[in-house]
Amino acid sequence: MVDDKEKNMKCLTFFLMLPETVKNRSKKGSKKANSSGGGGGGSGGSGSSKLPPVCYEIITLKTKKKKKMAADIFPRKKAASSSSSTVQQQQHQHNLCNNNLIPAPNWQGLYPTIRERNAVMFNNDLMADVHFVVGPPGGTQRLPGHKYVLAVGSSVFHAMFYGELAEDKDEIRIPDVEPAAFLAMLKYIYCDEIDLAADTVLATLYAAKKYIVPHLARACVNFLETSLSAKNACVLLSQSCLFEEPDLTQRCWEVIDAQAELALKSEGFCDIDFQTLESILRRETLNAKEIVVFEAALNWAEVECQRQDLALSIENKRKVLGKALYLIRIPTMALDDFANGAAQSGVLTLNETNDIFLWYTASKKPELQFVSKARKGLVPQRCHRFQSCAYRSNQWRYRGRCDSIQFAVDKRVFIAGFGLYGSSCGSAEYSAKIELKRQGVVLGQNLSKYFSDGSSNTFPVWFEYPVQIEPDTFYTASVVLDGNELSYFGQEGMTEVQCGKVTVQFQCSSDSTNGTGVQGGQIPELIFYA
């Protein structure tokens, strides 16, 4: 296997979930960009040193494009007239497509603010005193610039054009930045607009970091946090470490821990570098069965073999996994999972397989290279919304009707299930269909059974996977129960409950057809990870 340190020094690779580019990806790993290189401002920064081109590939996040104006953060006055606004929009759209636009005579009079007049110069050859050849060989784009505007927007550009070591070059080559990302950065500098797209946000973040445009970099990180899900959390984890963004790293870990099985089964997991793989396999709070961790590691090894042009053999899979194999806590698997899975995978040696079987069965256990202590996982929290419960001879009946309640939280959490009341007439078994929706869209559902012992306790019913809940948005929790007609029900319900560091608000749901509401009824508990 190619040494990670060596290949990381050669190539910086961005990965963000685009299968067609994954297969042709470079064998080289990722390494965070050297800070001095980031401040060099491309090939035109200094005559005494030249930065080598950095190769990379950008993989697409499957999310909707979002557009945010910096002026939303820093308020500005509106344009004086609708006609001048229409002209400006036409000018702006033309600039995106063609940088050789000649404005109309006295065009300055059409725009009442310096910001709007500056925006006309975006991607415009008029009065341009520098040009950038942006992109890798074979995919370059020549873009015009205006030194004064660029220097005002970036300290790197200021040093490049007006610093002590400034060079008077008419054309500057920047092979390590995508043209679309460079344009996004220029658009922010010229127009005070933040225009981010899923397929260019990582490249834009790289450009913003390289040219020290901190507000744009922060907007990129916010975009990534908003787009964060179990499908891309592992890839974004590696990128957040590369770009030294600790807040984004922490958010990635929150998603990976709570939705570990979804994250490990995602296509993006196979795109991470070896260092990120090790950090995930080492994770104590990973909330997943160990057989899922084992299978995910084998899937990663298969893709890594393809990246290194190795034959897809058991020996090569073990080779690329290296010592990371021993971070998988195989002795903590259920015996059935080990016997029917790991033991028959061929990845383990005969001695390792025998020793692990002895570990399960023998009183004197052999020494193992594998970690034998189970992961701690996450401890679920319970939000109880009733202050008391009761039962009556004519309540609480079900007959296929739906009990439902709406709730909102002030922090991102992951709903793992609901706590439900059981029979008030002795022990009984219930069939429960639980469901979680947002604006009518089903986010998670499960059909399972639970046994109640006749007490007023709540009994947990779980979703197959925890469901990610965003703050400040109302979600609908629903359950349809089939079982003993009479059960306990909650009373003295609260509209707001503080549960640890999370505040939960409740309101009635129109989906509830069995009487459940804020003041009383079923669904007494939300079970979640935070």
Protein backbone atom coordinates (compact mmCIF):
# COMPACT_ATOMS: atom_id res chain seq x y z
CA MET A 1 0.00 0.00 0.00
CA VAL A 2 1.28 3.45 -0.89
CA ASP A 3 2.58 5.31 2.16
CA ASP A 4 -0.05 7.88 3.24
CA LYS A 5 2.45 10.54 4.28
CA GLU A 6 4.22 10.37 0.92
CA LYS A 7 1.09 10.50 -1.17
CA ASN A 8 -0.48 13.22 0.95
CA MET A 9 2.53 15.47 0.27
CA LYS A 10 1.96 15.05 -3.43
CA CYS A 11 -1.73 15.55 -3.85
CA LEU A 12 -4.65 17.30 -2.20
CA THR A 13 -7.88 15.54 -3.05
CA PHE A 14 -11.37 16.69 -2.25
CA PHE A 15 -14.13 14.08 -2.03
CA LEU A 16 -17.88 14.75 -1.78
CA MET A 17 -20.08 11.94 -3.06
CA LEU A 18 -20.19 11.68 -6.83
CA PRO A 19 -19.95 7.98 -7.79
CA GLU A 20 -18.88 8.55 -11.39
CA THR A 21 -15.83 10.50 -10.30
CA VAL A 22 -15.02 8.26 -7.39
CA LYS A 23 -14.07 5.39 -9.69
CA ASN A 24 -11.51 7.49 -11.56
CA ARG A 25 -10.18 9.22 -8.52
CA SER A 26 -6.46 9.53 -7.98
CA LYS A 27 -4.77 6.92 -5.85
CA LYS A 28 -3.30 9.71 -3.82
CA GLY A 29 -4.69 10.60 -0.39
CA SER A 30 -5.62 13.89 1.13
CA LYS A 31 -3.58 16.14 3.33
CA LYS A 32 -4.46 19.55 4.63
CA ALA A 33 -3.11 22.40 2.53
CA ASN A 34 0.05 24.12 3.75
CA SER A 35 -0.91 27.47 5.19
CA SER A 36 1.97 29.24 3.51
CA GLY A 37 0.88 27.79 0.18
CA GLY A 38 -2.64 29.04 0.79
CA GLY A 39 -1.41 32.56 1.17
CA GLY A 40 0.69 32.54 -1.98
CA GLY A 41 -2.08 33.77 -4.22
CA GLY A 42 -1.39 31.33 -7.06
CA SER A 43 1.50 31.40 -9.47
CA GLY A 44 1.82 35.16 -9.46
CA GLY A 45 2.60 35.67 -5.77
CA SER A 46 6.39 35.66 -5.48
CA GLY A 47 9.28 35.48 -7.88
CA SER A 48 11.52 33.66 -5.37
CA SER A 49 9.29 30.62 -4.88
CA LYS A 50 6.67 28.82 -6.91
CA LEU A 51 4.03 26.57 -5.53
CA PRO A 52 3.56 23.22 -7.28
CA PRO A 53 0.15 22.61 -8.78
CA VAL A 54 -2.22 20.83 -6.44
CA CYS A 55 -4.46 18.20 -7.95
CA TYR A 56 -7.95 17.62 -6.71
CA GLU A 57 -11.40 16.43 -7.68
CA ILE A 58 -14.72 17.77 -6.49
CA ILE A 59 -17.60 15.36 -5.87
CA THR A 60 -21.19 16.54 -5.82
CA LEU A 61 -23.40 16.89 -2.76
CA LYS A 62 -26.95 15.93 -3.68
CA THR A 63 -28.64 18.96 -2.17
CA LYS A 64 -30.52 21.93 -3.54
CA LYS A 65 -28.62 25.02 -4.53
CA LYS A 66 -28.82 27.81 -2.01
CA LYS A 67 -28.16 31.47 -2.55
CA LYS A 68 -27.47 33.96 0.22
CA MET A 69 -26.76 37.64 -0.01
CA ALA A 70 -24.09 39.09 2.22
CA ALA A 71 -26.28 42.19 2.31
CA ASP A 72 -28.75 40.13 4.37
CA ILE A 73 -26.14 40.19 7.10
CA PHE A 74 -24.92 43.73 6.43
CA PRO A 75 -28.10 45.70 5.49
CA ARG A 76 -27.95 48.08 2.57
CA LYS A 77 -30.36 50.46 0.88
CA LYS A 78 -32.52 49.24 -1.98
CA ALA A 79 -32.01 50.42 -5.55
CA ALA A 80 -33.61 53.75 -6.37
CA SER A 81 -35.76 52.51 -9.25
CA SER A 82 -37.07 49.28 -10.67
CA SER A 83 -35.79 50.15 -14.17
CA SER A 84 -32.19 50.53 -13.03
CA SER A 85 -32.59 47.28 -11.06
CA THR A 86 -33.71 45.49 -14.24
CA VAL A 87 -30.73 46.86 -16.15
CA GLN A 88 -28.40 45.77 -13.37
CA GLN A 89 -29.82 42.23 -13.38
CA GLN A 90 -29.32 41.98 -17.14
CA GLN A 91 -25.77 43.31 -16.78
CA HIS A 92 -25.05 40.87 -13.95
CA GLN A 93 -26.40 37.86 -15.86
CA HIS A 94 -24.35 38.82 -18.90
CA ASN A 95 -21.22 39.05 -16.76
CA LEU A 96 -21.67 35.46 -15.61
CA CYS A 97 -21.59 34.24 -19.21
CA ASN A 98 -19.43 36.75 -21.06
CA ASN A 99 -16.59 38.83 -19.67
CA ASN A 100 -16.26 41.12 -22.70
CA LEU A 101 -19.35 43.22 -22.08
CA ILE A 102 -19.09 46.93 -22.92
CA PRO A 103 -21.49 48.91 -20.69
CA ALA A 104 -23.79 51.53 -22.13
CA PRO A 105 -22.60 55.15 -22.17
CA ASN A 106 -22.89 56.82 -18.78
CA TRP A 107 -23.61 53.41 -17.22
CA GLN A 108 -22.37 54.77 -13.91
CA GLY A 109 -25.51 56.86 -13.62
CA LEU A 110 -27.71 53.79 -13.68
CA TYR A 111 -26.42 52.54 -10.31
CA PRO A 112 -26.92 54.62 -7.17
CA THR A 113 -24.44 52.80 -4.89
CA ILE A 114 -20.75 51.96 -5.10
CA ARG A 115 -21.62 48.33 -4.48
CA GLU A 116 -23.81 48.19 -7.59
CA ARG A 117 -21.21 49.99 -9.71
CA ASN A 118 -18.53 47.59 -8.48
CA ALA A 119 -20.76 44.67 -9.42
CA VAL A 120 -20.71 45.80 -13.06
CA MET A 121 -16.97 45.14 -13.09
CA PHE A 122 -17.41 41.52 -11.98
CA ASN A 123 -16.02 39.19 -14.68
CA ASN A 124 -15.78 42.22 -16.99
CA ASP A 125 -12.79 43.08 -19.23
CA LEU A 126 -13.59 46.79 -18.99
CA MET A 127 -10.63 48.50 -17.23
CA ALA A 128 -9.24 45.08 -16.22
CA ASP A 129 -5.55 45.36 -15.33
CA VAL A 130 -4.88 41.68 -14.59
CA HIS A 131 -6.08 38.33 -15.89
CA PHE A 132 -6.17 34.93 -14.21
CA VAL A 133 -5.80 31.61 -16.00
CA VAL A 134 -7.69 29.42 -13.55
CA GLY A 135 -7.99 25.64 -13.40
CA PRO A 136 -5.88 22.57 -14.14
CA PRO A 137 -4.32 22.02 -17.59
CA GLY A 138 -7.01 21.17 -20.09
CA GLY A 139 -9.73 22.84 -18.03
CA THR A 140 -8.58 26.42 -17.70
CA GLN A 141 -10.64 29.59 -17.95
CA ARG A 142 -9.25 33.11 -18.43
CA LEU A 143 -10.90 35.57 -16.07
CA PRO A 144 -10.41 39.37 -15.85
CA GLY A 145 -9.71 41.21 -12.62
CA HIS A 146 -9.18 44.68 -11.23
CA LYS A 147 -6.28 44.92 -8.81
CA TYR A 148 -7.75 47.62 -6.61
CA VAL A 149 -11.04 45.78 -6.06
CA LEU A 150 -9.27 42.48 -5.41
CA ALA A 151 -6.81 44.06 -2.98
CA VAL A 152 -9.65 45.63 -1.01
CA GLY A 153 -11.32 42.21 -0.73
CA SER A 154 -8.32 40.02 0.12
CA SER A 155 -5.06 40.55 1.98
CA VAL A 156 -3.44 37.95 -0.27
CA PHE A 157 -4.35 39.91 -3.39
CA HIS A 158 -3.13 43.08 -1.67
CA ALA A 159 0.27 41.49 -1.04
CA MET A 160 0.31 40.09 -4.57
CA PHE A 161 -0.35 43.44 -6.26
CA TYR A 162 0.85 46.11 -3.80
CA GLY A 163 3.16 44.34 -1.36
CA GLU A 164 6.94 44.62 -1.15
CA LEU A 165 7.42 41.53 -3.34
CA ALA A 166 4.65 42.39 -5.79
CA GLU A 167 5.28 41.52 -9.43
CA ASP A 168 3.84 43.43 -12.34
CA LYS A 169 2.29 40.53 -14.25
CA ASP A 170 -0.58 40.89 -16.65
CA GLU A 171 -1.50 37.21 -16.42
CA ILE A 172 -1.45 34.95 -13.35
CA ARG A 173 -1.88 31.19 -13.51
CA ILE A 174 -3.84 29.47 -10.73
CA PRO A 175 -3.94 25.73 -11.50
CA ASP A 176 -5.13 24.57 -8.07
CA VAL A 177 -8.52 26.34 -8.00
CA GLU A 178 -11.64 25.41 -9.96
CA PRO A 179 -12.84 28.20 -12.31
CA ALA A 180 -16.37 28.02 -10.87
CA ALA A 181 -15.02 28.35 -7.33
CA PHE A 182 -12.78 31.27 -8.29
CA LEU A 183 -15.75 33.00 -9.90
CA ALA A 184 -17.80 32.45 -6.73
CA MET A 185 -15.05 34.14 -4.72
CA LEU A 186 -14.80 37.03 -7.20
CA LYS A 187 -18.56 37.44 -7.08
CA TYR A 188 -18.38 37.87 -3.32
CA ILE A 189 -15.50 40.37 -3.57
CA TYR A 190 -17.12 42.44 -6.35
CA CYS A 191 -20.82 42.08 -5.65
CA ASP A 192 -21.00 41.29 -1.93
CA GLU A 193 -23.05 38.22 -2.86
CA ILE A 194 -22.59 34.69 -1.57
CA ASP A 195 -23.67 32.24 -4.25
CA LEU A 196 -22.91 28.65 -3.26
CA ALA A 197 -23.78 25.36 -4.93
CA ALA A 198 -23.40 21.83 -3.66
CA ASP A 199 -21.01 20.81 -6.41
CA THR A 200 -18.59 23.73 -5.88
CA VAL A 201 -18.84 24.58 -2.19
CA LEU A 202 -15.73 22.63 -1.15
CA ALA A 203 -13.67 24.16 -3.94
CA THR A 204 -15.00 27.60 -2.99
CA LEU A 205 -14.02 26.97 0.62
CA TYR A 206 -10.52 26.07 -0.56
CA ALA A 207 -10.29 29.30 -2.59
CA ALA A 208 -11.62 31.38 0.32
CA LYS A 209 -9.05 29.82 2.65
CA LYS A 210 -6.22 30.28 0.18
CA TYR A 211 -6.95 33.95 -0.44
CA ILE A 212 -8.01 34.66 3.15
CA VAL A 213 -11.61 35.70 2.58
CA PRO A 214 -12.95 34.69 6.00
CA HIS A 215 -16.61 35.68 5.64
CA LEU A 216 -16.96 33.63 2.47
CA ALA A 217 -15.19 30.70 4.15
CA ARG A 218 -17.61 30.90 7.06
CA ALA A 219 -20.57 30.91 4.66
CA CYS A 220 -19.17 27.77 2.98
CA VAL A 221 -18.89 26.03 6.34
CA ASN A 222 -22.46 27.05 7.23
CA PHE A 223 -23.63 25.67 3.88
CA LEU A 224 -21.88 22.37 4.59
CA GLU A 225 -23.36 22.18 8.08
CA THR A 226 -26.83 22.76 6.66
CA SER A 227 -26.24 20.03 4.05
CA LEU A 228 -24.84 17.62 6.63
CA SER A 229 -26.48 14.20 6.81
CA ALA A 230 -25.53 10.59 7.42
CA LYS A 231 -24.86 10.19 3.68
CA ASN A 232 -22.06 12.74 3.54
CA ALA A 233 -20.92 13.05 7.17
CA CYS A 234 -17.88 10.78 6.80
CA VAL A 235 -16.61 12.62 3.72
CA LEU A 236 -17.19 16.02 5.31
CA LEU A 237 -15.37 14.80 8.42
CA SER A 238 -12.20 14.25 6.41
CA GLN A 239 -12.60 17.61 4.67
CA SER A 240 -13.27 19.50 7.93
CA CYS A 241 -9.99 18.16 9.29
CA LEU A 242 -8.24 19.15 6.06
CA PHE A 243 -9.55 22.72 6.29
CA GLU A 244 -9.08 22.93 10.06
CA GLU A 245 -12.74 23.66 10.83
CA PRO A 246 -13.31 22.27 14.36
CA ASP A 247 -16.99 23.27 14.54
CA LEU A 248 -17.78 21.39 11.34
CA THR A 249 -15.74 18.44 12.60
CA GLN A 250 -17.79 18.32 15.78
CA ARG A 251 -21.06 18.46 13.84
CA CYS A 252 -19.87 15.60 11.63
CA TRP A 253 -19.07 13.48 14.68
CA GLU A 254 -22.52 14.17 16.12
CA VAL A 255 -24.17 12.81 12.98
CA ILE A 256 -21.79 9.85 12.65
CA ASP A 257 -22.23 8.84 16.29
CA ALA A 258 -26.03 9.06 16.31
CA GLN A 259 -26.65 7.64 12.81
CA ALA A 260 -23.59 5.41 12.68
CA GLU A 261 -25.12 2.54 10.74
CA LEU A 262 -26.51 4.85 8.05
CA ALA A 263 -23.17 6.68 7.81
CA LEU A 264 -21.17 3.45 7.58
CA LYS A 265 -23.44 2.06 4.87
CA SER A 266 -23.31 5.24 2.76
CA GLU A 267 -21.33 5.45 -0.48
CA GLY A 268 -19.42 8.38 0.97
CA PHE A 269 -17.84 6.19 3.64
CA CYS A 270 -15.83 4.40 0.97
CA ASP A 271 -14.39 7.73 -0.22
CA ILE A 272 -12.63 8.69 3.00
CA ASP A 273 -8.86 8.55 3.46
CA PHE A 274 -7.12 5.99 5.65
CA GLN A 275 -6.58 8.40 8.55
CA THR A 276 -10.30 9.20 8.73
CA LEU A 277 -11.10 5.47 8.52
CA GLU A 278 -8.91 4.81 11.55
CA SER A 279 -10.49 7.64 13.54
CA ILE A 280 -14.00 6.28 12.85
CA LEU A 281 -13.08 2.68 13.69
CA ARG A 282 -11.49 3.93 16.92
CA ARG A 283 -14.59 5.90 17.93
CA GLU A 284 -15.88 4.87 21.36
CA THR A 285 -19.32 6.47 20.96
CA LEU A 286 -20.12 4.90 17.58
CA ASN A 287 -23.76 3.83 17.87
CA ALA A 288 -23.65 0.75 15.64
CA LYS A 289 -23.50 -3.03 15.74
CA GLU A 290 -19.96 -4.27 15.31
CA ILE A 291 -20.90 -6.48 12.36
CA VAL A 292 -21.99 -3.28 10.52
CA VAL A 293 -18.61 -1.71 11.30
CA PHE A 294 -16.85 -4.83 9.99
CA GLU A 295 -18.83 -4.90 6.73
CA ALA A 296 -18.26 -1.16 6.19
CA ALA A 297 -14.50 -1.63 6.59
CA LEU A 298 -14.53 -4.41 3.97
CA ASN A 299 -16.49 -2.19 1.58
CA TRP A 300 -13.91 0.58 2.06
CA ALA A 301 -11.08 -1.92 1.45
CA GLU A 302 -12.66 -3.03 -1.82
CA VAL A 303 -12.84 0.55 -3.13
CA GLU A 304 -9.32 1.26 -1.88
CA CYS A 305 -8.04 -1.71 -3.88
CA GLN A 306 -9.58 -0.17 -6.98
CA ARG A 307 -7.98 3.18 -6.20
CA GLN A 308 -4.60 1.49 -5.92
CA ASP A 309 -5.15 -0.70 -9.01
CA LEU A 310 -4.91 -3.86 -6.92
CA ALA A 311 -6.74 -7.07 -7.70
CA LEU A 312 -9.91 -7.56 -5.65
CA SER A 313 -8.63 -10.39 -3.47
CA ILE A 314 -9.01 -11.17 0.21
CA GLU A 315 -5.25 -10.73 0.68
CA ASN A 316 -5.27 -7.24 -0.86
CA LYS A 317 -8.30 -6.17 1.17
CA ARG A 318 -6.47 -7.12 4.33
CA LYS A 319 -3.34 -5.44 3.03
CA VAL A 320 -5.02 -2.05 2.48
CA LEU A 321 -6.78 -2.25 5.84
CA GLY A 322 -3.48 -2.88 7.60
CA LYS A 323 -3.55 -2.34 11.36
CA ALA A 324 -6.97 -0.68 11.11
CA LEU A 325 -8.45 -4.21 10.98
CA TYR A 326 -7.62 -4.63 14.67
CA LEU A 327 -9.64 -1.53 15.55
CA ILE A 328 -12.80 -3.47 14.67
CA ARG A 329 -14.09 -4.95 17.91
CA ILE A 330 -14.84 -8.39 16.50
CA PRO A 331 -14.90 -10.17 19.90
CA THR A 332 -17.84 -7.94 20.93
CA MET A 333 -20.05 -9.12 18.05
CA ALA A 334 -22.99 -11.38 18.74
CA LEU A 335 -21.84 -14.97 18.28
CA ASP A 336 -24.23 -15.46 15.35
CA ASP A 337 -22.87 -12.33 13.63
CA PHE A 338 -19.32 -13.57 14.03
CA ALA A 339 -20.01 -17.16 12.95
CA ASN A 340 -22.08 -16.21 9.90
CA GLY A 341 -20.18 -13.06 8.98
CA ALA A 342 -16.65 -12.25 10.06
CA ALA A 343 -15.56 -15.88 10.50
CA GLN A 344 -16.54 -16.72 6.92
CA SER A 345 -15.29 -13.52 5.30
CA GLY A 346 -11.81 -14.93 4.67
CA VAL A 347 -10.20 -11.75 5.98
CA LEU A 348 -9.27 -13.34 9.31
CA THR A 349 -6.51 -15.93 9.54
CA LEU A 350 -7.34 -19.42 10.75
CA ASN A 351 -5.58 -18.76 14.06
CA GLU A 352 -7.49 -15.51 14.57
CA THR A 353 -10.80 -17.24 13.87
CA ASN A 354 -10.01 -20.07 16.30
CA ASP A 355 -8.87 -17.69 19.03
CA ILE A 356 -12.04 -15.58 18.72
CA PHE A 357 -14.23 -18.70 18.93
CA LEU A 358 -12.32 -19.65 22.09
CA TRP A 359 -12.87 -16.12 23.38
CA TYR A 360 -16.63 -16.69 23.12
CA THR A 361 -16.68 -20.15 24.68
CA ALA A 362 -13.62 -20.90 26.83
CA SER A 363 -13.30 -19.96 30.49
CA LYS A 364 -9.60 -19.23 29.93
CA LYS A 365 -9.66 -16.71 27.12
CA PRO A 366 -6.73 -16.32 24.71
CA GLU A 367 -4.98 -13.01 24.10
CA LEU A 368 -6.28 -11.16 21.06
CA GLN A 369 -4.94 -8.34 18.92
CA PHE A 370 -8.49 -7.11 18.43
CA VAL A 371 -10.09 -4.70 20.89
CA SER A 372 -12.32 -6.84 23.09
CA LYS A 373 -14.17 -4.11 25.00
CA ALA A 374 -17.55 -3.11 23.59
CA ARG A 375 -18.09 0.48 22.48
CA LYS A 376 -20.00 2.69 24.88
CA GLY A 377 -22.25 4.04 22.15
CA LEU A 378 -24.62 6.88 23.00
CA VAL A 379 -26.96 7.11 25.97
CA PRO A 380 -30.46 8.09 24.82
CA GLN A 381 -32.23 10.97 26.53
CA ARG A 382 -35.95 10.98 27.31
CA CYS A 383 -38.17 14.01 27.11
CA HIS A 384 -41.29 13.37 29.24
CA ARG A 385 -44.09 15.83 28.49
CA PHE A 386 -46.70 14.86 31.12
CA GLN A 387 -46.64 15.60 34.83
CA SER A 388 -48.92 12.69 35.72
CA CYS A 389 -50.79 9.77 34.19
CA ALA A 390 -54.11 8.04 34.91
CA TYR A 391 -56.54 5.41 33.70
CA ARG A 392 -60.33 5.20 33.62
CA SER A 393 -62.77 2.45 32.88
CA ASN A 394 -63.75 4.03 29.57
CA GLN A 395 -60.35 5.38 28.39
CA TRP A 396 -57.83 5.16 26.62
CA ARG A 397 -59.23 3.25 23.59
CA TYR A 398 -57.57 2.85 20.18
CA ARG A 399 -59.49 0.93 17.49
CA GLY A 400 -57.03 1.87 14.74
CA ARG A 401 -57.15 5.60 15.37
CA CYS A 402 -54.05 7.81 15.31
CA ASP A 403 -52.48 9.53 18.31
CA SER A 404 -50.30 12.43 17.24
CA ILE A 405 -48.43 15.44 18.62
CA GLN A 406 -46.23 18.13 17.08
CA PHE A 407 -42.90 19.19 18.56
CA ALA A 408 -39.90 21.44 17.84
CA VAL A 409 -36.42 21.62 19.35
CA ASP A 410 -33.87 24.41 19.65
CA LYS A 411 -30.85 22.21 18.79
CA ARG A 412 -30.22 19.47 16.28
CA VAL A 413 -31.15 16.09 17.78
CA PHE A 414 -31.76 12.56 16.53
CA ILE A 415 -35.07 10.95 17.42
CA ALA A 416 -34.48 7.27 18.17
CA GLY A 417 -38.05 6.35 19.16
CA PHE A 418 -41.04 7.10 21.39
CA GLY A 419 -41.96 6.06 24.91
CA LEU A 420 -45.56 4.80 25.00
CA TYR A 421 -48.05 3.88 27.71
CA GLY A 422 -49.28 0.32 28.06
CA SER A 423 -52.32 -1.54 29.36
CA SER A 424 -54.08 -0.46 32.54
CA CYS A 425 -55.72 -3.88 32.87
CA GLY A 426 -52.73 -6.11 33.52
CA SER A 427 -49.95 -7.23 31.19
CA ALA A 428 -50.62 -7.04 27.46
CA GLU A 429 -48.85 -6.91 24.11
CA TYR A 430 -49.29 -4.05 21.67
CA SER A 431 -48.53 -3.64 17.99
CA ALA A 432 -47.33 -0.10 17.31
CA LYS A 433 -46.82 1.72 14.04
CA ILE A 434 -44.74 4.81 14.79
CA GLU A 435 -44.10 7.59 12.31
CA LEU A 436 -42.20 10.89 12.15
CA LYS A 437 -43.10 13.53 9.58
CA ARG A 438 -42.08 17.04 8.60
CA GLN A 439 -44.58 19.08 6.59
CA GLY A 440 -46.34 15.89 5.54
CA VAL A 441 -43.17 14.11 4.39
CA VAL A 442 -42.44 10.86 6.22
CA LEU A 443 -38.89 10.88 7.61
CA GLY A 444 -39.03 7.64 9.54
CA GLN A 445 -41.47 4.90 10.44
CA ASN A 446 -41.45 1.46 11.96
CA LEU A 447 -43.88 -1.32 12.86
CA SER A 448 -43.00 -3.26 15.99
CA LYS A 449 -44.44 -4.85 19.11
CA TYR A 450 -43.89 -4.12 22.77
CA PHE A 451 -44.99 -5.79 25.97
CA SER A 452 -46.46 -3.78 28.83
CA ASP A 453 -46.50 -5.20 32.36
CA GLY A 454 -49.61 -3.45 33.58
CA SER A 455 -47.71 -0.61 35.26
CA SER A 456 -47.91 3.09 34.45
CA ASN A 457 -44.34 3.05 33.13
CA THR A 458 -43.54 4.03 29.56
CA PHE A 459 -42.25 1.43 27.11
CA PRO A 460 -39.77 2.29 24.31
CA VAL A 461 -40.55 1.69 20.66
CA TRP A 462 -37.64 2.37 18.28
CA PHE A 463 -37.17 3.52 14.72
CA GLU A 464 -34.91 1.39 12.56
CA TYR A 465 -32.44 4.28 12.42
CA PRO A 466 -32.42 7.54 14.42
CA VAL A 467 -34.02 10.42 12.51
CA GLN A 468 -32.20 13.76 12.25
CA ILE A 469 -34.27 16.68 13.57
CA GLU A 470 -33.32 20.26 12.71
CA PRO A 471 -33.95 23.12 15.15
CA ASP A 472 -36.84 25.60 15.04
CA THR A 473 -39.06 23.46 12.83
CA PHE A 474 -42.16 21.56 13.90
CA TYR A 475 -42.28 17.81 13.33
CA THR A 476 -45.22 15.45 13.77
CA ALA A 477 -44.89 12.32 15.94
CA SER A 478 -47.63 9.74 15.39
CA VAL A 479 -48.52 6.26 16.58
CA VAL A 480 -51.30 3.83 15.74
CA LEU A 481 -51.71 1.17 18.43
CA ASP A 482 -53.43 -2.18 18.24
CA GLY A 483 -53.89 -4.10 21.48
CA ASN A 484 -55.71 -3.90 24.80
CA GLU A 485 -58.51 -1.36 24.51
CA LEU A 486 -57.77 0.35 27.82
CA SER A 487 -54.41 1.87 28.67
CA TYR A 488 -52.85 4.58 30.76
CA PHE A 489 -52.81 8.11 29.37
CA GLY A 490 -50.95 11.29 30.27
CA GLN A 491 -52.31 14.34 32.07
CA GLU A 492 -51.14 17.87 32.87
CA GLY A 493 -49.16 18.17 29.67
CA MET A 494 -46.53 20.88 29.23
CA THR A 495 -46.09 23.06 26.15
CA GLU A 496 -42.34 23.39 26.80
CA VAL A 497 -39.91 20.95 28.39
CA GLN A 498 -36.23 21.46 29.18
CA CYS A 499 -34.35 18.20 28.67
CA GLY A 500 -30.65 18.63 29.38
CA LYS A 501 -29.40 21.29 26.97
CA VAL A 502 -32.35 20.83 24.62
CA THR A 503 -35.63 22.74 24.85
CA VAL A 504 -38.64 20.95 23.34
CA GLN A 505 -41.92 22.70 22.48
CA PHE A 506 -45.19 20.86 21.89
CA GLN A 507 -48.38 21.79 20.07
CA CYS A 508 -51.47 19.88 18.98
CA SER A 509 -51.53 18.06 15.65
CA SER A 510 -54.39 17.90 13.18
CA ASP A 511 -53.36 14.29 12.45
CA SER A 512 -54.48 13.22 15.92
CA THR A 513 -57.85 11.44 15.65
CA ASN A 514 -57.82 9.65 19.01
CA GLY A 515 -57.75 12.58 21.44
CA THR A 516 -54.02 13.02 22.03
CA GLY A 517 -52.99 16.66 22.43
CA VAL A 518 -50.71 18.87 24.47
CA GLN A 519 -52.71 18.49 27.71
CA GLY A 520 -53.16 14.72 27.64
CA GLY A 521 -53.07 11.45 25.75
CA GLN A 522 -50.44 9.09 24.35
CA ILE A 523 -46.81 9.54 23.21
CA PRO A 524 -45.62 10.68 26.63
CA GLU A 525 -41.92 10.54 25.69
CA LEU A 526 -39.54 11.41 22.90
CA ILE A 527 -36.36 9.34 22.99
CA PHE A 528 -33.41 11.06 21.33
CA TYR A 529 -29.65 11.50 21.06
CA ALA A 530 -28.18 14.98 21.36
